[in-house]
Amino acid sequence: MNTLEKDTYKKKIDKSYYLTLNDLLLGVTYEELIQDMFEFEKKEMYELCEGIKKALLYAEEKTYKEIKIEVENYESRNQSIEY
């Protein structure tokens, strides 16, 4: 895997992590997210599975407020500048 592929793979994991944390804030259950992970695995979309797993492990021992701060931090780090 070359550097560009690694960067793309990491970006997909990070985006999936962010979206999963966002889903948790919106009330999506762990069970639904785990089901999504299995569906992505069937489609061999392993980077999405990794992002979901990472988010679920992170959120396991966090409060709503801590998850919200993590989402806000992700958003501030990944703002795209549009002209």
N, C-alpha and C. Protein backbone atom coordinates (compact mmCIF):
# COMPACT_ATOMS: atom_id res chain seq x y z
N MET A 1 0.87 -1.18 0.00
CA MET A 1 0.00 0.00 0.00
C MET A 1 0.91 1.24 0.00
N ASN A 2 0.69 2.13 -0.96
CA ASN A 2 1.50 3.34 -1.00
C ASN A 2 0.96 4.41 -0.06
N THR A 3 1.69 5.50 0.06
CA THR A 3 1.34 6.57 1.01
C THR A 3 -0.02 7.17 0.71
N LEU A 4 -0.33 7.38 -0.56
CA LEU A 4 -1.63 7.96 -0.94
C LEU A 4 -2.77 7.03 -0.53
N GLU A 5 -2.60 5.74 -0.75
CA GLU A 5 -3.64 4.78 -0.36
C GLU A 5 -3.82 4.76 1.16
N LYS A 6 -2.71 4.82 1.91
CA LYS A 6 -2.79 4.83 3.37
C LYS A 6 -3.53 6.07 3.85
N ASP A 7 -3.25 7.21 3.23
CA ASP A 7 -3.91 8.46 3.60
C ASP A 7 -5.41 8.38 3.31
N THR A 8 -5.77 7.85 2.16
CA THR A 8 -7.19 7.70 1.79
C THR A 8 -7.89 6.75 2.75
N TYR A 9 -7.25 5.63 3.06
CA TYR A 9 -7.80 4.65 3.98
C TYR A 9 -8.04 5.29 5.36
N LYS A 10 -7.04 6.04 5.85
CA LYS A 10 -7.15 6.70 7.15
C LYS A 10 -8.29 7.72 7.14
N LYS A 11 -8.43 8.47 6.06
CA LYS A 11 -9.51 9.46 5.96
C LYS A 11 -10.88 8.78 6.02
N LYS A 12 -11.02 7.63 5.37
CA LYS A 12 -12.29 6.90 5.41
C LYS A 12 -12.60 6.41 6.81
N ILE A 13 -11.58 5.93 7.51
CA ILE A 13 -11.76 5.48 8.90
C ILE A 13 -12.20 6.66 9.77
N ASP A 14 -11.48 7.78 9.63
CA ASP A 14 -11.81 8.97 10.43
C ASP A 14 -13.23 9.46 10.15
N LYS A 15 -13.63 9.48 8.89
CA LYS A 15 -14.97 9.95 8.53
C LYS A 15 -16.04 9.01 9.11
N SER A 16 -15.79 7.71 9.03
CA SER A 16 -16.72 6.73 9.59
C SER A 16 -16.81 6.87 11.11
N TYR A 17 -15.68 7.13 11.75
CA TYR A 17 -15.63 7.36 13.19
C TYR A 17 -16.50 8.56 13.56
N TYR A 18 -16.31 9.65 12.85
CA TYR A 18 -17.07 10.88 13.09
C TYR A 18 -18.57 10.64 12.88
N LEU A 19 -18.93 10.02 11.76
CA LEU A 19 -20.34 9.79 11.46
C LEU A 19 -21.00 8.88 12.50
N THR A 20 -20.24 7.89 12.97
CA THR A 20 -20.78 6.99 13.99
C THR A 20 -21.01 7.72 15.31
N LEU A 21 -20.05 8.55 15.71
CA LEU A 21 -20.25 9.34 16.93
C LEU A 21 -21.46 10.26 16.78
N ASN A 22 -21.60 10.85 15.61
CA ASN A 22 -22.76 11.70 15.33
C ASN A 22 -24.05 10.90 15.44
N ASP A 23 -24.06 9.70 14.88
CA ASP A 23 -25.24 8.83 14.98
C ASP A 23 -25.60 8.55 16.44
N LEU A 24 -24.58 8.28 17.25
CA LEU A 24 -24.83 8.02 18.67
C LEU A 24 -25.47 9.24 19.34
N LEU A 25 -24.99 10.43 19.00
CA LEU A 25 -25.57 11.65 19.56
C LEU A 25 -27.03 11.82 19.14
N LEU A 26 -27.35 11.33 17.95
CA LEU A 26 -28.72 11.45 17.43
C LEU A 26 -29.64 10.33 17.92
N GLY A 27 -29.08 9.39 18.70
CA GLY A 27 -29.93 8.36 19.29
C GLY A 27 -29.91 7.01 18.60
N VAL A 28 -29.04 6.82 17.61
CA VAL A 28 -28.92 5.52 16.98
C VAL A 28 -28.33 4.56 18.01
N THR A 29 -28.87 3.35 18.09
CA THR A 29 -28.43 2.40 19.12
C THR A 29 -27.16 1.68 18.71
N TYR A 30 -26.47 1.14 19.72
CA TYR A 30 -25.28 0.33 19.47
C TYR A 30 -25.62 -0.84 18.56
N GLU A 31 -26.77 -1.45 18.81
CA GLU A 31 -27.17 -2.62 18.02
C GLU A 31 -27.31 -2.27 16.54
N GLU A 32 -27.91 -1.12 16.26
CA GLU A 32 -28.06 -0.69 14.87
C GLU A 32 -26.70 -0.44 14.23
N LEU A 33 -25.79 0.15 14.97
CA LEU A 33 -24.46 0.44 14.44
C LEU A 33 -23.65 -0.84 14.23
N ILE A 34 -23.81 -1.78 15.12
CA ILE A 34 -23.13 -3.07 14.95
C ILE A 34 -23.69 -3.79 13.73
N GLN A 35 -24.99 -3.70 13.53
CA GLN A 35 -25.61 -4.29 12.34
C GLN A 35 -25.05 -3.62 11.07
N ASP A 36 -24.92 -2.30 11.10
CA ASP A 36 -24.30 -1.59 9.97
C ASP A 36 -22.89 -2.10 9.71
N MET A 37 -22.14 -2.32 10.78
CA MET A 37 -20.77 -2.80 10.65
C MET A 37 -20.75 -4.16 9.95
N PHE A 38 -21.65 -5.04 10.31
CA PHE A 38 -21.72 -6.36 9.66
C PHE A 38 -22.07 -6.22 8.17
N GLU A 39 -22.95 -5.29 7.85
CA GLU A 39 -23.31 -5.06 6.45
C GLU A 39 -22.12 -4.54 5.65
N PHE A 40 -21.36 -3.62 6.25
CA PHE A 40 -20.17 -3.11 5.57
C PHE A 40 -19.11 -4.20 5.41
N GLU A 41 -19.03 -5.08 6.41
CA GLU A 41 -18.07 -6.17 6.33
C GLU A 41 -18.42 -7.11 5.17
N LYS A 42 -19.70 -7.39 4.99
CA LYS A 42 -20.13 -8.23 3.87
C LYS A 42 -19.74 -7.62 2.53
N LYS A 43 -19.75 -6.30 2.47
CA LYS A 43 -19.40 -5.57 1.25
C LYS A 43 -17.89 -5.30 1.16
N GLU A 44 -17.14 -5.85 2.12
CA GLU A 44 -15.68 -5.69 2.19
C GLU A 44 -15.26 -4.23 2.29
N MET A 45 -16.04 -3.45 3.02
CA MET A 45 -15.73 -2.04 3.26
C MET A 45 -15.13 -1.95 4.66
N TYR A 46 -13.93 -2.49 4.79
CA TYR A 46 -13.30 -2.67 6.09
C TYR A 46 -12.93 -1.36 6.78
N GLU A 47 -12.63 -0.34 6.01
CA GLU A 47 -12.28 0.94 6.62
C GLU A 47 -13.49 1.54 7.33
N LEU A 48 -14.70 1.33 6.81
CA LEU A 48 -15.91 1.81 7.49
C LEU A 48 -16.15 1.01 8.77
N CYS A 49 -15.90 -0.28 8.70
CA CYS A 49 -16.03 -1.13 9.90
C CYS A 49 -15.07 -0.66 10.99
N GLU A 50 -13.86 -0.35 10.58
CA GLU A 50 -12.85 0.10 11.56
C GLU A 50 -13.27 1.41 12.21
N GLY A 51 -13.83 2.33 11.44
CA GLY A 51 -14.29 3.60 12.00
C GLY A 51 -15.44 3.42 12.98
N ILE A 52 -16.36 2.54 12.64
CA ILE A 52 -17.49 2.26 13.54
C ILE A 52 -16.98 1.62 14.83
N LYS A 53 -16.11 0.63 14.69
CA LYS A 53 -15.55 -0.04 15.87
C LYS A 53 -14.81 0.95 16.76
N LYS A 54 -14.00 1.80 16.16
CA LYS A 54 -13.24 2.80 16.90
C LYS A 54 -14.18 3.73 17.67
N ALA A 55 -15.26 4.16 17.03
CA ALA A 55 -16.22 5.06 17.67
C ALA A 55 -16.97 4.37 18.82
N LEU A 56 -17.37 3.14 18.60
CA LEU A 56 -18.09 2.41 19.64
C LEU A 56 -17.21 2.18 20.87
N LEU A 57 -15.95 1.85 20.62
CA LEU A 57 -15.02 1.66 21.74
C LEU A 57 -14.77 2.97 22.47
N TYR A 58 -14.65 4.04 21.73
CA TYR A 58 -14.45 5.36 22.34
C TYR A 58 -15.66 5.73 23.20
N ALA A 59 -16.84 5.56 22.66
CA ALA A 59 -18.07 6.02 23.31
C ALA A 59 -18.50 5.15 24.48
N GLU A 60 -17.96 3.97 24.56
CA GLU A 60 -18.37 3.01 25.58
C GLU A 60 -18.32 3.58 27.00
N GLU A 61 -17.30 4.35 27.30
CA GLU A 61 -17.15 4.86 28.66
C GLU A 61 -17.21 6.38 28.71
N LYS A 62 -17.85 6.99 27.72
CA LYS A 62 -17.92 8.46 27.66
C LYS A 62 -19.36 8.92 27.89
N THR A 63 -19.47 10.15 28.33
CA THR A 63 -20.78 10.76 28.50
C THR A 63 -21.20 11.40 27.17
N TYR A 64 -22.46 11.78 27.09
CA TYR A 64 -22.98 12.48 25.92
C TYR A 64 -22.13 13.72 25.65
N LYS A 65 -21.84 14.46 26.70
CA LYS A 65 -21.08 15.70 26.57
C LYS A 65 -19.67 15.44 26.01
N GLU A 66 -19.02 14.39 26.50
CA GLU A 66 -17.68 14.06 26.01
C GLU A 66 -17.70 13.66 24.53
N ILE A 67 -18.72 12.92 24.14
CA ILE A 67 -18.85 12.53 22.73
C ILE A 67 -19.09 13.77 21.89
N LYS A 68 -19.95 14.66 22.36
CA LYS A 68 -20.24 15.90 21.63
C LYS A 68 -18.97 16.73 21.45
N ILE A 69 -18.14 16.82 22.46
CA ILE A 69 -16.88 17.57 22.36
C ILE A 69 -15.96 16.92 21.32
N GLU A 70 -15.90 15.60 21.31
CA GLU A 70 -15.08 14.88 20.33
C GLU A 70 -15.56 15.18 18.91
N VAL A 71 -16.87 15.19 18.70
CA VAL A 71 -17.44 15.50 17.38
C VAL A 71 -17.10 16.94 16.98
N GLU A 72 -17.25 17.85 17.91
CA GLU A 72 -16.93 19.26 17.62
C GLU A 72 -15.44 19.43 17.31
N ASN A 73 -14.58 18.72 18.02
CA ASN A 73 -13.15 18.77 17.74
C ASN A 73 -12.85 18.24 16.34
N TYR A 74 -13.50 17.15 15.97
CA TYR A 74 -13.32 16.60 14.62
C TYR A 74 -13.74 17.63 13.58
N GLU A 75 -14.90 18.25 13.80
CA GLU A 75 -15.40 19.23 12.84
C GLU A 75 -14.46 20.42 12.70
N SER A 76 -13.90 20.87 13.81
CA SER A 76 -13.00 22.03 13.73
C SER A 76 -11.68 21.66 13.05
N ARG A 77 -11.23 20.43 13.21
CA ARG A 77 -9.99 19.98 12.56
C ARG A 77 -10.18 19.76 11.07
N ASN A 78 -11.40 19.47 10.65
CA ASN A 78 -11.65 19.06 9.28
C ASN A 78 -12.51 20.03 8.49
N GLN A 79 -12.57 21.27 8.92
CA GLN A 79 -13.33 22.27 8.16
C GLN A 79 -12.62 22.52 6.85
N SER A 80 -13.38 22.49 5.78
CA SER A 80 -12.78 22.82 4.49
C SER A 80 -13.04 24.29 4.21
N ILE A 81 -12.04 24.93 3.71
CA ILE A 81 -12.15 26.35 3.41
C ILE A 81 -12.69 26.49 1.99
N GLU A 82 -13.80 27.16 1.87
CA GLU A 82 -14.41 27.36 0.55
C GLU A 82 -14.32 28.83 0.18
N TYR A 83 -13.94 29.07 -1.04
CA TYR A 83 -13.81 30.45 -1.54
C TYR A 83 -14.88 30.73 -2.56
